[in-house]
Amino acid sequence: MRWLSTWSSAQWLEWFGVITAIVYSLLVASNTGLEFIGFTLLLVSSFSIGLWAYLGGHRGILLLQFFYATAGVIGMFRWF
C-alpha cells in the first residue's frame, strides 16, 4: 500500500474516475433500481477524468467526458 502515497494528484483523479465509472456501469446494468446512483457516479467520474484530461492535455478524452457528464445529467433527470 506504500505505492499509493507516491501517486500524484493526476493519478488519483484518473483512477478515482475509472473506479466510479466501473461502479456506474455495474449499477445501471444490474437493473436493480439503483440507476440514479449510477448516473450520479457517471457524473462524478466524468468530472474526475475530465480534470485529469485537462491537466494532462488529453483534449479528446476531455471532450468525451463532456458528453459523459451530459449523459449523467440526462440519466439523473430521467430516473428521478
C-alpha atoms as a PDB file:
ATOM      1  CA  MET A   1       0.000   0.000   0.000  1.00  0.00           C
ATOM      2  CA  ARG A   2       3.008   2.263   0.225  1.00  0.00           C
ATOM      3  CA  TRP A   3       2.835   2.881  -3.519  1.00  0.00           C
ATOM      4  CA  LEU A   4      -0.482   4.744  -3.006  1.00  0.00           C
ATOM      5  CA  SER A   5       1.326   7.505  -1.125  1.00  0.00           C
ATOM      6  CA  THR A   6       3.574   8.140  -4.115  1.00  0.00           C
ATOM      7  CA  TRP A   7       0.694   8.810  -6.532  1.00  0.00           C
ATOM      8  CA  SER A   8       0.331  12.279  -8.000  1.00  0.00           C
ATOM      9  CA  SER A   9      -2.946  14.203  -7.915  1.00  0.00           C
ATOM     10  CA  ALA A  10      -3.434  13.371 -11.579  1.00  0.00           C
ATOM     11  CA  GLN A  11      -3.134   9.645 -10.887  1.00  0.00           C
ATOM     12  CA  TRP A  12      -5.694   9.892  -8.093  1.00  0.00           C
ATOM     13  CA  LEU A  13      -8.113  11.716 -10.407  1.00  0.00           C
ATOM     14  CA  GLU A  14      -7.601   9.182 -13.167  1.00  0.00           C
ATOM     15  CA  TRP A  15      -8.153   6.087 -11.022  1.00  0.00           C
ATOM     16  CA  PHE A  16     -10.988   7.579  -8.966  1.00  0.00           C
ATOM     17  CA  GLY A  17     -12.742   8.351 -12.251  1.00  0.00           C
ATOM     18  CA  VAL A  18     -12.111   4.856 -13.581  1.00  0.00           C
ATOM     19  CA  ILE A  19     -13.440   3.153 -10.434  1.00  0.00           C
ATOM     20  CA  THR A  20     -16.572   5.316 -10.252  1.00  0.00           C
ATOM     21  CA  ALA A  21     -17.243   4.645 -13.966  1.00  0.00           C
ATOM     22  CA  ILE A  22     -16.950   0.888 -13.380  1.00  0.00           C
ATOM     23  CA  VAL A  23     -19.374   1.029 -10.445  1.00  0.00           C
ATOM     24  CA  TYR A  24     -21.745   3.198 -12.538  1.00  0.00           C
ATOM     25  CA  SER A  25     -21.837   0.664 -15.357  1.00  0.00           C
ATOM     26  CA  LEU A  26     -22.446  -2.233 -12.976  1.00  0.00           C
ATOM     27  CA  LEU A  27     -25.284  -0.414 -11.186  1.00  0.00           C
ATOM     28  CA  VAL A  28     -27.056   0.533 -14.417  1.00  0.00           C
ATOM     29  CA  ALA A  29     -26.577  -2.924 -15.951  1.00  0.00           C
ATOM     30  CA  SER A  30     -27.871  -4.650 -12.812  1.00  0.00           C
ATOM     31  CA  ASN A  31     -31.338  -3.080 -13.289  1.00  0.00           C
ATOM     32  CA  THR A  32     -31.930  -3.119  -9.529  1.00  0.00           C
ATOM     33  CA  GLY A  33     -33.373   0.350  -9.071  1.00  0.00           C
ATOM     34  CA  LEU A  34     -30.011   1.964  -8.367  1.00  0.00           C
ATOM     35  CA  GLU A  35     -29.807   3.735 -11.703  1.00  0.00           C
ATOM     36  CA  PHE A  36     -29.993   7.218 -10.186  1.00  0.00           C
ATOM     37  CA  ILE A  37     -26.955   6.480  -8.028  1.00  0.00           C
ATOM     38  CA  GLY A  38     -25.249   5.026 -11.090  1.00  0.00           C
ATOM     39  CA  PHE A  39     -25.842   8.136 -13.185  1.00  0.00           C
ATOM     40  CA  THR A  40     -24.622  10.269 -10.296  1.00  0.00           C
ATOM     41  CA  LEU A  41     -21.414   8.231 -10.295  1.00  0.00           C
ATOM     42  CA  LEU A  42     -21.136   8.745 -14.055  1.00  0.00           C
ATOM     43  CA  LEU A  43     -21.279  12.497 -13.479  1.00  0.00           C
ATOM     44  CA  VAL A  44     -18.649  12.304 -10.726  1.00  0.00           C
ATOM     45  CA  SER A  45     -16.462  10.089 -12.910  1.00  0.00           C
ATOM     46  CA  SER A  46     -16.697  12.447 -15.873  1.00  0.00           C
ATOM     47  CA  PHE A  47     -15.604  15.397 -13.731  1.00  0.00           C
ATOM     48  CA  SER A  48     -12.690  13.435 -12.297  1.00  0.00           C
ATOM     49  CA  ILE A  49     -11.454  12.066 -15.608  1.00  0.00           C
ATOM     50  CA  GLY A  50     -12.205  15.394 -17.294  1.00  0.00           C
ATOM     51  CA  LEU A  51      -9.993  17.233 -14.828  1.00  0.00           C
ATOM     52  CA  TRP A  52      -7.295  14.611 -15.295  1.00  0.00           C
ATOM     53  CA  ALA A  53      -7.576  15.020 -19.073  1.00  0.00           C
ATOM     54  CA  TYR A  54      -7.394  18.803 -18.812  1.00  0.00           C
ATOM     55  CA  LEU A  55      -4.288  18.671 -16.621  1.00  0.00           C
ATOM     56  CA  GLY A  56      -2.623  16.201 -18.955  1.00  0.00           C
ATOM     57  CA  GLY A  57      -3.605  17.917 -22.186  1.00  0.00           C
ATOM     58  CA  HIS A  58      -5.733  14.997 -23.401  1.00  0.00           C
ATOM     59  CA  ARG A  59      -8.230  17.029 -25.382  1.00  0.00           C
ATOM     60  CA  GLY A  60     -10.056  14.093 -26.968  1.00  0.00           C
ATOM     61  CA  ILE A  61     -10.710  12.481 -23.604  1.00  0.00           C
ATOM     62  CA  LEU A  62     -11.780  15.862 -22.203  1.00  0.00           C
ATOM     63  CA  LEU A  63     -14.360  16.230 -24.983  1.00  0.00           C
ATOM     64  CA  LEU A  64     -15.593  12.693 -24.349  1.00  0.00           C
ATOM     65  CA  GLN A  65     -16.036  13.453 -20.646  1.00  0.00           C
ATOM     66  CA  PHE A  66     -18.199  16.461 -21.519  1.00  0.00           C
ATOM     67  CA  PHE A  67     -20.623  14.119 -23.280  1.00  0.00           C
ATOM     68  CA  TYR A  68     -20.474  11.568 -20.444  1.00  0.00           C
ATOM     69  CA  ALA A  69     -21.342  14.346 -17.988  1.00  0.00           C
ATOM     70  CA  THR A  70     -24.270  15.321 -20.208  1.00  0.00           C
ATOM     71  CA  ALA A  71     -25.440  11.695 -20.292  1.00  0.00           C
ATOM     72  CA  GLY A  72     -25.152  11.532 -16.498  1.00  0.00           C
ATOM     73  CA  VAL A  73     -27.321  14.623 -16.047  1.00  0.00           C
ATOM     74  CA  ILE A  74     -29.915  13.361 -18.540  1.00  0.00           C
ATOM     75  CA  GLY A  75     -29.967   9.968 -16.830  1.00  0.00           C
ATOM     76  CA  MET A  76     -30.426  11.554 -13.399  1.00  0.00           C
ATOM     77  CA  PHE A  77     -33.382  13.616 -14.635  1.00  0.00           C
ATOM     78  CA  ARG A  78     -34.974  10.659 -16.409  1.00  0.00           C
ATOM     79  CA  TRP A  79     -34.736   8.357 -13.392  1.00  0.00           C
ATOM     80  CA  PHE A  80     -35.705  10.911 -10.752  1.00  0.00           C
END
